[in-house]
Amino acid sequence: MPTPFDHDQDAVRLAGAAADLNSLLVFDDAEFVAVAYRTFLLRAVEPDGLIHYTRWLRAGYTRLDVVAALCKSREGRSKGVRLPGLDAALRNHRLSRLPLIGPLVSHLGRLEGHSARDRSVRAIESAHRRQELADAARHQQLLQAVQAIAAVPGPGPASAASDELIAPVNGQTPSLLSRFIRLERVGADEVISELGQRIRAGREAEILSRRCAA
């Protein structure tokens, strides 16, 4: 059964080790976890590890929380990987988590805080970034689908084909596509589905036409 993290397999497949801490910290979400595994454990992340630590990040824990956990693990200690700047960063990270002086250390060192509010803000930001990526992917899907339907040969000029798409067929309710063209609120997934159906219908009609002409 597919999991919510199946789409992150490309990040796992393409991940390589980071040369230093700064180049590691530019990554985010599942991609960060995959690169961190390559960097500190010298191997690809397994599915359980990918899900576990990606959930940490999406719950608002910091990337250094993940780094510290990997470095302190039995496997991490056996590898003994040390990046430039890592020791100082982990030391400051430990200090920033102390009950009394932690917030001051975080403030003076411009480090990420560890309070419930800090984690909540990061979790919201993470969800927002993922939503932006999902919206961009859907937009690209829709754009490709629109380009594909436009490429299907029609019975007449492009204007006639456009009119046919917009107008109700045999007095029926206008299609989702026509509502979309009229800028009504229609889900992109539904529009893409209808576009796919139209593409398949157009191809079937083209095949039938060729058979009849043969």
N, C-alpha and C. Protein backbone atom coordinates (compact mmCIF):
# COMPACT_ATOMS: atom_id res chain seq x y z
N MET A 1 0.85 -1.19 0.00
CA MET A 1 0.00 0.00 0.00
C MET A 1 0.89 1.25 0.00
N PRO A 2 0.61 2.24 -0.87
CA PRO A 2 1.45 3.45 -0.91
C PRO A 2 1.42 4.20 0.42
N THR A 3 2.52 4.84 0.75
CA THR A 3 2.60 5.66 1.96
C THR A 3 2.73 7.11 1.55
N PRO A 4 2.48 8.05 2.50
CA PRO A 4 2.64 9.47 2.17
C PRO A 4 4.05 9.86 1.80
N PHE A 5 5.02 8.93 2.01
CA PHE A 5 6.42 9.26 1.74
C PHE A 5 6.93 8.62 0.46
N ASP A 6 6.07 7.94 -0.29
CA ASP A 6 6.52 7.29 -1.51
C ASP A 6 7.08 8.28 -2.51
N HIS A 7 6.52 9.51 -2.55
CA HIS A 7 6.99 10.50 -3.51
C HIS A 7 8.39 11.00 -3.17
N ASP A 8 8.92 10.64 -1.97
CA ASP A 8 10.24 11.11 -1.57
C ASP A 8 11.34 10.16 -2.02
N GLN A 9 11.00 9.11 -2.77
CA GLN A 9 12.01 8.15 -3.17
C GLN A 9 13.04 8.75 -4.11
N ASP A 10 12.65 9.75 -4.90
CA ASP A 10 13.63 10.42 -5.76
C ASP A 10 14.71 11.10 -4.92
N ALA A 11 14.31 11.68 -3.78
CA ALA A 11 15.28 12.32 -2.89
C ALA A 11 16.27 11.29 -2.37
N VAL A 12 15.79 10.10 -2.04
CA VAL A 12 16.66 9.04 -1.55
C VAL A 12 17.61 8.58 -2.64
N ARG A 13 17.06 8.40 -3.83
CA ARG A 13 17.87 7.88 -4.94
C ARG A 13 18.97 8.84 -5.35
N LEU A 14 18.69 10.15 -5.31
CA LEU A 14 19.64 11.14 -5.81
C LEU A 14 20.56 11.69 -4.72
N ALA A 15 20.32 11.34 -3.46
CA ALA A 15 21.08 11.95 -2.36
C ALA A 15 22.54 11.54 -2.39
N GLY A 16 23.40 12.51 -2.11
CA GLY A 16 24.83 12.26 -1.95
C GLY A 16 25.29 12.85 -0.64
N ALA A 17 26.51 12.53 -0.23
CA ALA A 17 27.04 13.04 1.04
C ALA A 17 27.38 14.52 0.91
N ALA A 18 27.20 15.26 2.02
CA ALA A 18 27.54 16.69 2.05
C ALA A 18 29.02 16.85 2.41
N ALA A 19 29.65 17.88 1.86
CA ALA A 19 31.08 18.12 2.12
C ALA A 19 31.30 18.85 3.43
N ASP A 20 30.33 19.64 3.87
CA ASP A 20 30.46 20.36 5.12
C ASP A 20 29.06 20.61 5.69
N LEU A 21 29.02 21.14 6.90
CA LEU A 21 27.75 21.31 7.58
C LEU A 21 26.84 22.30 6.85
N ASN A 22 27.41 23.39 6.38
CA ASN A 22 26.59 24.41 5.70
C ASN A 22 25.92 23.85 4.46
N SER A 23 26.66 23.05 3.69
CA SER A 23 26.07 22.48 2.47
C SER A 23 25.02 21.43 2.80
N LEU A 24 25.11 20.82 4.00
CA LEU A 24 24.08 19.88 4.43
C LEU A 24 22.80 20.60 4.83
N LEU A 25 22.94 21.73 5.52
CA LEU A 25 21.79 22.42 6.08
C LEU A 25 20.95 23.17 5.04
N VAL A 26 21.41 23.20 3.80
CA VAL A 26 20.58 23.85 2.77
C VAL A 26 19.44 22.94 2.33
N PHE A 27 19.54 21.64 2.63
CA PHE A 27 18.49 20.70 2.25
C PHE A 27 17.36 20.75 3.27
N ASP A 28 16.20 20.23 2.87
CA ASP A 28 15.02 20.31 3.73
C ASP A 28 14.22 19.03 3.61
N ASP A 29 13.44 18.75 4.65
CA ASP A 29 12.45 17.67 4.64
C ASP A 29 13.12 16.33 4.32
N ALA A 30 12.45 15.49 3.51
CA ALA A 30 12.96 14.14 3.24
C ALA A 30 14.32 14.17 2.55
N GLU A 31 14.54 15.18 1.71
CA GLU A 31 15.83 15.29 1.03
C GLU A 31 16.95 15.50 2.04
N PHE A 32 16.70 16.31 3.07
CA PHE A 32 17.71 16.51 4.11
C PHE A 32 18.03 15.19 4.81
N VAL A 33 16.99 14.41 5.16
CA VAL A 33 17.20 13.15 5.85
C VAL A 33 18.05 12.21 4.99
N ALA A 34 17.74 12.14 3.70
CA ALA A 34 18.49 11.26 2.80
C ALA A 34 19.96 11.67 2.71
N VAL A 35 20.23 12.98 2.61
CA VAL A 35 21.61 13.46 2.52
C VAL A 35 22.33 13.27 3.86
N ALA A 36 21.63 13.48 4.97
CA ALA A 36 22.24 13.29 6.29
C ALA A 36 22.66 11.83 6.49
N TYR A 37 21.85 10.90 6.05
CA TYR A 37 22.22 9.47 6.14
C TYR A 37 23.47 9.19 5.32
N ARG A 38 23.50 9.71 4.11
CA ARG A 38 24.68 9.50 3.26
C ARG A 38 25.92 10.12 3.90
N THR A 39 25.73 11.23 4.59
CA THR A 39 26.86 11.95 5.16
C THR A 39 27.39 11.28 6.42
N PHE A 40 26.51 10.94 7.36
CA PHE A 40 26.96 10.46 8.67
C PHE A 40 26.95 8.94 8.82
N LEU A 41 26.08 8.26 8.08
CA LEU A 41 26.05 6.80 8.17
C LEU A 41 26.63 6.14 6.92
N LEU A 42 26.98 6.96 5.94
CA LEU A 42 27.65 6.48 4.73
C LEU A 42 26.82 5.45 3.96
N ARG A 43 25.52 5.61 3.99
CA ARG A 43 24.63 4.68 3.27
C ARG A 43 23.31 5.38 2.97
N ALA A 44 22.50 4.70 2.15
CA ALA A 44 21.18 5.22 1.84
C ALA A 44 20.25 5.04 3.04
N VAL A 45 19.32 5.94 3.19
CA VAL A 45 18.36 5.85 4.29
C VAL A 45 17.36 4.75 4.00
N GLU A 46 17.01 3.97 5.04
CA GLU A 46 16.00 2.93 4.89
C GLU A 46 14.61 3.56 5.05
N PRO A 47 13.55 2.91 4.56
CA PRO A 47 12.21 3.51 4.62
C PRO A 47 11.78 3.94 6.02
N ASP A 48 12.06 3.11 7.04
CA ASP A 48 11.66 3.47 8.41
C ASP A 48 12.37 4.72 8.89
N GLY A 49 13.66 4.82 8.59
CA GLY A 49 14.42 6.00 8.99
C GLY A 49 13.95 7.25 8.27
N LEU A 50 13.63 7.10 6.99
CA LEU A 50 13.14 8.24 6.21
C LEU A 50 11.83 8.76 6.80
N ILE A 51 10.92 7.85 7.10
CA ILE A 51 9.63 8.26 7.66
C ILE A 51 9.81 8.86 9.04
N HIS A 52 10.63 8.22 9.88
CA HIS A 52 10.80 8.67 11.27
C HIS A 52 11.36 10.09 11.33
N TYR A 53 12.47 10.32 10.66
CA TYR A 53 13.12 11.64 10.79
C TYR A 53 12.42 12.72 9.96
N THR A 54 11.77 12.33 8.87
CA THR A 54 11.00 13.32 8.13
C THR A 54 9.82 13.79 8.97
N ARG A 55 9.22 12.87 9.72
CA ARG A 55 8.14 13.27 10.63
C ARG A 55 8.67 14.19 11.72
N TRP A 56 9.87 13.96 12.20
CA TRP A 56 10.48 14.89 13.16
C TRP A 56 10.48 16.30 12.58
N LEU A 57 11.02 16.44 11.37
CA LEU A 57 11.14 17.76 10.76
C LEU A 57 9.77 18.40 10.53
N ARG A 58 8.81 17.60 10.11
CA ARG A 58 7.48 18.14 9.84
C ARG A 58 6.73 18.47 11.12
N ALA A 59 7.20 17.91 12.24
CA ALA A 59 6.61 18.26 13.54
C ALA A 59 7.28 19.48 14.16
N GLY A 60 8.31 20.01 13.48
CA GLY A 60 8.94 21.23 13.96
C GLY A 60 10.28 21.07 14.64
N TYR A 61 10.80 19.83 14.70
CA TYR A 61 12.15 19.66 15.24
C TYR A 61 13.16 20.16 14.21
N THR A 62 14.36 20.50 14.68
CA THR A 62 15.34 21.12 13.80
C THR A 62 16.17 20.08 13.06
N ARG A 63 16.83 20.55 12.02
CA ARG A 63 17.73 19.67 11.28
C ARG A 63 18.91 19.24 12.15
N LEU A 64 19.35 20.12 13.06
CA LEU A 64 20.43 19.72 13.97
C LEU A 64 19.95 18.67 14.97
N ASP A 65 18.66 18.64 15.28
CA ASP A 65 18.13 17.55 16.10
C ASP A 65 18.35 16.21 15.41
N VAL A 66 18.11 16.19 14.10
CA VAL A 66 18.31 14.97 13.32
C VAL A 66 19.80 14.62 13.26
N VAL A 67 20.64 15.62 12.99
CA VAL A 67 22.09 15.40 12.92
C VAL A 67 22.61 14.83 14.23
N ALA A 68 22.18 15.44 15.34
CA ALA A 68 22.64 14.98 16.66
C ALA A 68 22.22 13.53 16.91
N ALA A 69 20.97 13.20 16.53
CA ALA A 69 20.49 11.83 16.74
C ALA A 69 21.29 10.83 15.91
N LEU A 70 21.60 11.18 14.67
CA LEU A 70 22.37 10.27 13.82
C LEU A 70 23.80 10.11 14.35
N CYS A 71 24.41 11.22 14.75
CA CYS A 71 25.79 11.15 15.23
C CYS A 71 25.91 10.39 16.55
N LYS A 72 24.89 10.47 17.39
CA LYS A 72 24.92 9.79 18.69
C LYS A 72 24.48 8.34 18.61
N SER A 73 23.90 7.93 17.49
CA SER A 73 23.47 6.54 17.36
C SER A 73 24.68 5.61 17.34
N ARG A 74 24.47 4.34 17.62
CA ARG A 74 25.58 3.38 17.62
C ARG A 74 26.25 3.33 16.25
N GLU A 75 25.44 3.34 15.20
CA GLU A 75 26.00 3.30 13.85
C GLU A 75 26.76 4.58 13.54
N GLY A 76 26.21 5.70 13.96
CA GLY A 76 26.88 6.98 13.72
C GLY A 76 28.22 7.06 14.43
N ARG A 77 28.26 6.60 15.69
CA ARG A 77 29.52 6.61 16.43
C ARG A 77 30.56 5.69 15.79
N SER A 78 30.10 4.58 15.23
CA SER A 78 31.05 3.65 14.60
C SER A 78 31.65 4.24 13.33
N LYS A 79 30.90 5.09 12.63
CA LYS A 79 31.43 5.72 11.41
C LYS A 79 32.37 6.86 11.75
N GLY A 80 32.07 7.59 12.81
CA GLY A 80 32.96 8.66 13.27
C GLY A 80 33.15 9.79 12.28
N VAL A 81 32.13 10.10 11.49
CA VAL A 81 32.26 11.18 10.50
C VAL A 81 32.23 12.53 11.21
N ARG A 82 33.14 13.40 10.85
CA ARG A 82 33.19 14.74 11.42
C ARG A 82 33.35 15.76 10.30
N LEU A 83 32.35 16.58 10.13
CA LEU A 83 32.39 17.62 9.12
C LEU A 83 32.97 18.90 9.71
N PRO A 84 33.55 19.77 8.87
CA PRO A 84 33.99 21.08 9.35
C PRO A 84 32.83 21.85 9.98
N GLY A 85 33.03 22.32 11.20
CA GLY A 85 32.01 23.09 11.89
C GLY A 85 31.01 22.26 12.66
N LEU A 86 31.07 20.92 12.55
CA LEU A 86 30.06 20.08 13.17
C LEU A 86 30.17 20.07 14.69
N ASP A 87 31.38 19.94 15.23
CA ASP A 87 31.54 19.85 16.69
C ASP A 87 31.01 21.11 17.39
N ALA A 88 31.36 22.28 16.86
CA ALA A 88 30.90 23.52 17.46
C ALA A 88 29.38 23.64 17.36
N ALA A 89 28.83 23.23 16.22
CA ALA A 89 27.38 23.32 16.03
C ALA A 89 26.65 22.41 17.00
N LEU A 90 27.14 21.19 17.20
CA LEU A 90 26.50 20.26 18.12
C LEU A 90 26.64 20.72 19.57
N ARG A 91 27.78 21.33 19.90
CA ARG A 91 27.96 21.85 21.26
C ARG A 91 26.95 22.97 21.53
N ASN A 92 26.83 23.90 20.60
CA ASN A 92 25.86 24.98 20.78
C ASN A 92 24.42 24.45 20.78
N HIS A 93 24.18 23.42 20.00
CA HIS A 93 22.86 22.80 19.96
C HIS A 93 22.50 22.20 21.32
N ARG A 94 23.48 21.53 21.96
CA ARG A 94 23.24 20.97 23.30
C ARG A 94 22.95 22.07 24.30
N LEU A 95 23.73 23.15 24.24
CA LEU A 95 23.53 24.26 25.17
C LEU A 95 22.17 24.92 24.96
N SER A 96 21.74 25.01 23.70
CA SER A 96 20.48 25.69 23.40
C SER A 96 19.27 24.90 23.90
N ARG A 97 19.46 23.63 24.23
CA ARG A 97 18.36 22.82 24.71
C ARG A 97 18.29 22.77 26.25
N LEU A 98 19.25 23.41 26.93
CA LEU A 98 19.23 23.42 28.40
C LEU A 98 18.04 24.25 28.90
N PRO A 99 17.43 23.84 30.03
CA PRO A 99 16.19 24.49 30.49
C PRO A 99 16.31 25.99 30.75
N LEU A 100 17.36 26.43 31.42
CA LEU A 100 17.42 27.83 31.84
C LEU A 100 18.17 28.72 30.85
N ILE A 101 19.37 28.29 30.46
CA ILE A 101 20.18 29.16 29.60
C ILE A 101 19.94 28.89 28.11
N GLY A 102 19.18 27.84 27.81
CA GLY A 102 18.95 27.49 26.41
C GLY A 102 18.39 28.61 25.56
N PRO A 103 17.30 29.27 25.98
CA PRO A 103 16.75 30.36 25.17
C PRO A 103 17.76 31.50 24.95
N LEU A 104 18.57 31.79 25.99
CA LEU A 104 19.58 32.86 25.85
C LEU A 104 20.65 32.45 24.84
N VAL A 105 21.10 31.20 24.91
CA VAL A 105 22.09 30.70 23.96
C VAL A 105 21.54 30.77 22.54
N SER A 106 20.28 30.36 22.39
CA SER A 106 19.65 30.40 21.06
C SER A 106 19.59 31.83 20.53
N HIS A 107 19.23 32.77 21.43
CA HIS A 107 19.10 34.17 21.01
C HIS A 107 20.46 34.75 20.64
N LEU A 108 21.47 34.56 21.49
CA LEU A 108 22.78 35.14 21.23
C LEU A 108 23.45 34.49 20.03
N GLY A 109 23.25 33.18 19.87
CA GLY A 109 23.87 32.48 18.75
C GLY A 109 23.03 32.43 17.50
N ARG A 110 21.87 33.09 17.55
CA ARG A 110 20.94 33.10 16.42
C ARG A 110 20.63 31.66 15.98
N LEU A 111 20.37 30.82 16.97
CA LEU A 111 20.03 29.43 16.72
C LEU A 111 18.52 29.24 16.76
N GLU A 112 18.06 28.15 16.21
CA GLU A 112 16.64 27.83 16.26
C GLU A 112 16.25 27.42 17.67
N GLY A 113 15.14 27.94 18.15
CA GLY A 113 14.69 27.62 19.50
C GLY A 113 14.02 26.26 19.58
N HIS A 114 13.77 25.83 20.82
CA HIS A 114 13.22 24.49 21.03
C HIS A 114 11.93 24.50 21.84
N SER A 115 11.35 25.65 22.03
CA SER A 115 10.09 25.71 22.78
C SER A 115 8.96 25.13 21.93
N ALA A 116 7.83 24.86 22.59
CA ALA A 116 6.68 24.34 21.87
C ALA A 116 6.23 25.32 20.78
N ARG A 117 6.33 26.62 21.09
CA ARG A 117 5.95 27.63 20.10
C ARG A 117 6.89 27.60 18.91
N ASP A 118 8.21 27.49 19.18
CA ASP A 118 9.18 27.43 18.09
C ASP A 118 8.91 26.24 17.18
N ARG A 119 8.64 25.08 17.79
CA ARG A 119 8.37 23.89 16.99
C ARG A 119 7.07 24.06 16.19
N SER A 120 6.07 24.66 16.81
CA SER A 120 4.81 24.87 16.12
C SER A 120 4.98 25.77 14.90
N VAL A 121 5.76 26.82 15.04
CA VAL A 121 6.01 27.74 13.92
C VAL A 121 6.73 27.01 12.80
N ARG A 122 7.75 26.21 13.15
CA ARG A 122 8.49 25.48 12.12
C ARG A 122 7.60 24.45 11.43
N ALA A 123 6.72 23.79 12.19
CA ALA A 123 5.82 22.81 11.60
C ALA A 123 4.89 23.48 10.59
N ILE A 124 4.39 24.67 10.92
CA ILE A 124 3.52 25.40 10.00
C ILE A 124 4.29 25.81 8.75
N GLU A 125 5.52 26.29 8.94
CA GLU A 125 6.34 26.68 7.79
C GLU A 125 6.63 25.48 6.89
N SER A 126 6.91 24.33 7.51
CA SER A 126 7.17 23.11 6.74
C SER A 126 5.96 22.70 5.93
N ALA A 127 4.78 22.74 6.56
CA ALA A 127 3.56 22.39 5.85
C ALA A 127 3.30 23.36 4.69
N HIS A 128 3.60 24.63 4.92
CA HIS A 128 3.40 25.64 3.87
C HIS A 128 4.33 25.38 2.69
N ARG A 129 5.60 25.04 2.96
CA ARG A 129 6.54 24.76 1.87
C ARG A 129 6.09 23.54 1.07
N ARG A 130 5.63 22.50 1.77
CA ARG A 130 5.17 21.29 1.07
C ARG A 130 3.94 21.59 0.22
N GLN A 131 3.05 22.44 0.75
CA GLN A 131 1.85 22.79 -0.02
C GLN A 131 2.22 23.57 -1.27
N GLU A 132 3.21 24.46 -1.14
CA GLU A 132 3.65 25.22 -2.31
C GLU A 132 4.21 24.28 -3.38
N LEU A 133 5.00 23.28 -2.95
CA LEU A 133 5.56 22.32 -3.90
C LEU A 133 4.46 21.49 -4.54
N ALA A 134 3.48 21.07 -3.74
CA ALA A 134 2.36 20.29 -4.28
C ALA A 134 1.56 21.11 -5.27
N ASP A 135 1.32 22.39 -4.95
CA ASP A 135 0.58 23.26 -5.86
C ASP A 135 1.33 23.45 -7.17
N ALA A 136 2.65 23.61 -7.07
CA ALA A 136 3.47 23.77 -8.28
C ALA A 136 3.42 22.51 -9.13
N ALA A 137 3.45 21.34 -8.49
CA ALA A 137 3.39 20.09 -9.23
C ALA A 137 2.04 19.93 -9.93
N ARG A 138 0.96 20.28 -9.21
CA ARG A 138 -0.37 20.19 -9.82
C ARG A 138 -0.51 21.16 -11.00
N HIS A 139 0.05 22.35 -10.82
CA HIS A 139 0.01 23.34 -11.90
C HIS A 139 0.73 22.81 -13.13
N GLN A 140 1.88 22.18 -12.91
CA GLN A 140 2.64 21.63 -14.03
C GLN A 140 1.86 20.50 -14.70
N GLN A 141 1.21 19.66 -13.89
CA GLN A 141 0.36 18.60 -14.44
C GLN A 141 -0.75 19.18 -15.31
N LEU A 142 -1.39 20.19 -14.79
CA LEU A 142 -2.49 20.82 -15.51
C LEU A 142 -2.00 21.46 -16.80
N LEU A 143 -0.86 22.12 -16.73
CA LEU A 143 -0.30 22.75 -17.92
C LEU A 143 0.00 21.71 -18.99
N GLN A 144 0.61 20.59 -18.58
CA GLN A 144 0.91 19.54 -19.54
C GLN A 144 -0.35 18.95 -20.14
N ALA A 145 -1.39 18.79 -19.27
CA ALA A 145 -2.64 18.23 -19.76
C ALA A 145 -3.31 19.17 -20.76
N VAL A 146 -3.29 20.47 -20.46
CA VAL A 146 -3.88 21.46 -21.38
C VAL A 146 -3.13 21.45 -22.71
N GLN A 147 -1.80 21.38 -22.65
CA GLN A 147 -1.00 21.33 -23.87
C GLN A 147 -1.31 20.08 -24.68
N ALA A 148 -1.51 18.96 -23.96
CA ALA A 148 -1.80 17.70 -24.64
C ALA A 148 -3.16 17.74 -25.32
N ILE A 149 -4.18 18.27 -24.64
CA ILE A 149 -5.51 18.32 -25.24
C ILE A 149 -5.53 19.29 -26.41
N ALA A 150 -4.72 20.34 -26.31
CA ALA A 150 -4.68 21.30 -27.42
C ALA A 150 -4.04 20.69 -28.66
N ALA A 151 -3.18 19.68 -28.44
CA ALA A 151 -2.48 19.06 -29.57
C ALA A 151 -3.33 18.00 -30.27
N VAL A 152 -4.46 17.59 -29.66
CA VAL A 152 -5.32 16.60 -30.28
C VAL A 152 -5.99 17.22 -31.50
N PRO A 153 -5.89 16.59 -32.70
CA PRO A 153 -6.51 17.17 -33.91
C PRO A 153 -8.02 17.30 -33.75
N GLY A 154 -8.56 18.44 -34.10
CA GLY A 154 -9.99 18.67 -34.00
C GLY A 154 -10.64 18.67 -35.37
N PRO A 155 -11.97 18.74 -35.43
CA PRO A 155 -12.68 18.69 -36.71
C PRO A 155 -12.61 19.98 -37.51
N GLY A 156 -12.21 21.05 -36.86
CA GLY A 156 -12.20 22.32 -37.58
C GLY A 156 -11.15 23.25 -37.01
N PRO A 157 -11.29 24.56 -37.26
CA PRO A 157 -10.34 25.55 -36.75
C PRO A 157 -10.28 25.53 -35.23
N ALA A 158 -9.19 26.08 -34.70
CA ALA A 158 -8.99 26.10 -33.25
C ALA A 158 -10.13 26.82 -32.55
N SER A 159 -10.67 27.90 -33.17
CA SER A 159 -11.74 28.64 -32.52
C SER A 159 -12.98 27.77 -32.39
N ALA A 160 -13.25 26.97 -33.42
CA ALA A 160 -14.41 26.09 -33.37
C ALA A 160 -14.24 25.03 -32.29
N ALA A 161 -13.02 24.50 -32.17
CA ALA A 161 -12.75 23.50 -31.13
C ALA A 161 -12.94 24.11 -29.76
N SER A 162 -12.49 25.36 -29.57
CA SER A 162 -12.64 26.03 -28.27
C SER A 162 -14.11 26.24 -27.96
N ASP A 163 -14.90 26.68 -28.98
CA ASP A 163 -16.33 26.88 -28.77
C ASP A 163 -17.01 25.58 -28.38
N GLU A 164 -16.57 24.49 -28.99
CA GLU A 164 -17.18 23.19 -28.70
C GLU A 164 -16.91 22.78 -27.26
N LEU A 165 -15.70 23.08 -26.77
CA LEU A 165 -15.37 22.73 -25.40
C LEU A 165 -16.18 23.53 -24.41
N ILE A 166 -16.45 24.80 -24.73
CA ILE A 166 -17.13 25.68 -23.79
C ILE A 166 -18.64 25.46 -23.80
N ALA A 167 -19.20 25.19 -24.97
CA ALA A 167 -20.65 25.09 -25.10
C ALA A 167 -21.18 23.78 -24.51
N PRO A 168 -22.39 23.82 -23.92
CA PRO A 168 -23.00 22.57 -23.46
C PRO A 168 -23.26 21.64 -24.64
N VAL A 169 -23.13 20.32 -24.40
CA VAL A 169 -23.35 19.34 -25.46
C VAL A 169 -24.77 18.81 -25.34
N ASN A 170 -25.58 18.94 -26.42
CA ASN A 170 -26.96 18.45 -26.44
C ASN A 170 -27.78 18.97 -25.26
N GLY A 171 -27.54 20.22 -24.90
CA GLY A 171 -28.31 20.82 -23.83
C GLY A 171 -27.93 20.39 -22.44
N GLN A 172 -26.85 19.59 -22.31
CA GLN A 172 -26.45 19.11 -21.00
C GLN A 172 -25.68 20.19 -20.25
N THR A 173 -25.45 19.94 -18.95
CA THR A 173 -24.69 20.88 -18.13
C THR A 173 -23.28 21.02 -18.68
N PRO A 174 -22.73 22.24 -18.72
CA PRO A 174 -21.36 22.42 -19.21
C PRO A 174 -20.38 21.54 -18.46
N SER A 175 -19.37 21.05 -19.16
CA SER A 175 -18.39 20.15 -18.57
C SER A 175 -17.52 20.87 -17.55
N LEU A 176 -16.77 20.08 -16.80
CA LEU A 176 -15.81 20.68 -15.86
C LEU A 176 -14.82 21.55 -16.60
N LEU A 177 -14.40 21.09 -17.78
CA LEU A 177 -13.43 21.86 -18.55
C LEU A 177 -13.98 23.21 -18.95
N SER A 178 -15.24 23.22 -19.39
CA SER A 178 -15.84 24.50 -19.78
C SER A 178 -15.97 25.42 -18.57
N ARG A 179 -16.33 24.84 -17.42
CA ARG A 179 -16.42 25.66 -16.20
C ARG A 179 -15.04 26.19 -15.82
N PHE A 180 -14.02 25.37 -16.04
CA PHE A 180 -12.66 25.81 -15.73
C PHE A 180 -12.25 26.97 -16.63
N ILE A 181 -12.57 26.85 -17.93
CA ILE A 181 -12.25 27.92 -18.88
C ILE A 181 -12.95 29.21 -18.49
N ARG A 182 -14.15 29.09 -17.92
CA ARG A 182 -14.90 30.26 -17.47
C ARG A 182 -14.45 30.75 -16.10
N LEU A 183 -13.37 30.18 -15.59
CA LEU A 183 -12.75 30.58 -14.33
C LEU A 183 -13.65 30.33 -13.13
N GLU A 184 -14.50 29.30 -13.21
CA GLU A 184 -15.26 28.91 -12.04
C GLU A 184 -14.38 28.05 -11.14
N ARG A 185 -14.79 27.92 -9.89
CA ARG A 185 -14.00 27.15 -8.93
C ARG A 185 -14.22 25.66 -9.16
N VAL A 186 -13.27 25.05 -9.82
CA VAL A 186 -13.31 23.61 -10.09
C VAL A 186 -11.96 23.05 -9.69
N GLY A 187 -11.96 21.89 -9.01
CA GLY A 187 -10.71 21.30 -8.57
C GLY A 187 -9.81 20.93 -9.74
N ALA A 188 -8.53 21.23 -9.61
CA ALA A 188 -7.57 20.95 -10.70
C ALA A 188 -7.51 19.45 -11.01
N ASP A 189 -7.61 18.61 -9.98
CA ASP A 189 -7.55 17.16 -10.21
C ASP A 189 -8.71 16.70 -11.08
N GLU A 190 -9.91 17.28 -10.84
CA GLU A 190 -11.08 16.91 -11.64
C GLU A 190 -10.90 17.37 -13.08
N VAL A 191 -10.36 18.57 -13.25
CA VAL A 191 -10.15 19.08 -14.60
C VAL A 191 -9.13 18.23 -15.35
N ILE A 192 -8.05 17.86 -14.65
CA ILE A 192 -7.03 17.02 -15.28
C ILE A 192 -7.63 15.67 -15.69
N SER A 193 -8.50 15.12 -14.83
CA SER A 193 -9.15 13.85 -15.16
C SER A 193 -10.00 13.97 -16.43
N GLU A 194 -10.76 15.09 -16.51
CA GLU A 194 -11.58 15.27 -17.71
C GLU A 194 -10.71 15.49 -18.95
N LEU A 195 -9.63 16.21 -18.79
CA LEU A 195 -8.73 16.40 -19.92
C LEU A 195 -8.19 15.07 -20.40
N GLY A 196 -7.81 14.22 -19.45
CA GLY A 196 -7.31 12.89 -19.83
C GLY A 196 -8.34 12.09 -20.59
N GLN A 197 -9.60 12.15 -20.15
CA GLN A 197 -10.67 11.44 -20.85
C GLN A 197 -10.84 11.96 -22.27
N ARG A 198 -10.76 13.29 -22.41
CA ARG A 198 -10.91 13.88 -23.75
C ARG A 198 -9.74 13.48 -24.65
N ILE A 199 -8.55 13.43 -24.07
CA ILE A 199 -7.39 13.03 -24.87
C ILE A 199 -7.56 11.60 -25.36
N ARG A 200 -7.98 10.71 -24.45
CA ARG A 200 -8.18 9.31 -24.84
C ARG A 200 -9.27 9.18 -25.89
N ALA A 201 -10.37 9.94 -25.73
CA ALA A 201 -11.46 9.90 -26.71
C ALA A 201 -10.99 10.40 -28.07
N GLY A 202 -10.17 11.45 -28.05
CA GLY A 202 -9.65 11.99 -29.31
C GLY A 202 -8.75 10.99 -30.02
N ARG A 203 -7.93 10.29 -29.25
CA ARG A 203 -7.05 9.29 -29.86
C ARG A 203 -7.84 8.11 -30.42
N GLU A 204 -8.88 7.69 -29.67
CA GLU A 204 -9.71 6.58 -30.15
C GLU A 204 -10.43 6.97 -31.44
N ALA A 205 -10.91 8.23 -31.49
CA ALA A 205 -11.59 8.70 -32.70
C ALA A 205 -10.62 8.75 -33.88
N GLU A 206 -9.37 9.14 -33.62
CA GLU A 206 -8.38 9.21 -34.68
C GLU A 206 -8.06 7.82 -35.20
N ILE A 207 -7.93 6.83 -34.30
CA ILE A 207 -7.65 5.45 -34.71
C ILE A 207 -8.80 4.89 -35.55
N LEU A 208 -10.05 5.15 -35.09
CA LEU A 208 -11.24 4.68 -35.83
C LEU A 208 -11.31 5.31 -37.21
N SER A 209 -10.99 6.60 -37.29
CA SER A 209 -11.02 7.31 -38.58
C SER A 209 -10.00 6.70 -39.54
N ARG A 210 -8.81 6.36 -39.04
CA ARG A 210 -7.78 5.78 -39.91
C ARG A 210 -8.20 4.40 -40.39
N ARG A 211 -8.84 3.63 -39.50
CA ARG A 211 -9.29 2.29 -39.89
C ARG A 211 -10.36 2.37 -40.97
N CYS A 212 -11.26 3.33 -40.81
CA CYS A 212 -12.33 3.48 -41.79
C CYS A 212 -11.79 3.91 -43.16
N ALA A 213 -10.73 4.74 -43.12
CA ALA A 213 -10.15 5.25 -44.36
C ALA A 213 -9.28 4.21 -45.06
N ALA A 214 -8.84 3.19 -44.31
CA ALA A 214 -7.95 2.18 -44.88
C ALA A 214 -8.67 1.28 -45.86
